[in-house]
């Protein structure tokens, strides 16, 4: 698979090192909520694994910093290995989109019934959001 993000790697790393400038305030606040108190470059324990955190930040960078003009109308695709925790990344992105962009409806495409059943179990009653502590306690837009 061709890595369309490769040409943005250096600017992404600089953006992270510079403290994530240019984000909507709501996005900055949500990232701060998920970030480790000891090191804001890492996720808070119990939320996302480091590679999930990296993927999550890439989504935000692509959407809010690069935008459609740079990324194109087709967007970007995250390629996460089997067992890499795609569900947690999806949940974090959904929470961020609801909190920072007021997106209320989402469609998930699944390759088969087994995956669909797992996702249904994880997302029913907000289980994945609660288990991964992905929502701020005062968040009124809980999925």
Foldseek 3Di string as FASTA:
>chain_A
DDDPCVVVVVVLVVCVVVPNPQADPQLSVLLCVQAPPVDSLHGHPLQAHRVLNVVLSVQRCCPGPVHCVRQPPVHDDDDADVVRCPLSSVLLNVQSCCRPVVDDDDDDDDPDDVVVVVSCVCPVVHNVCVRSVSDDPPDPNRD
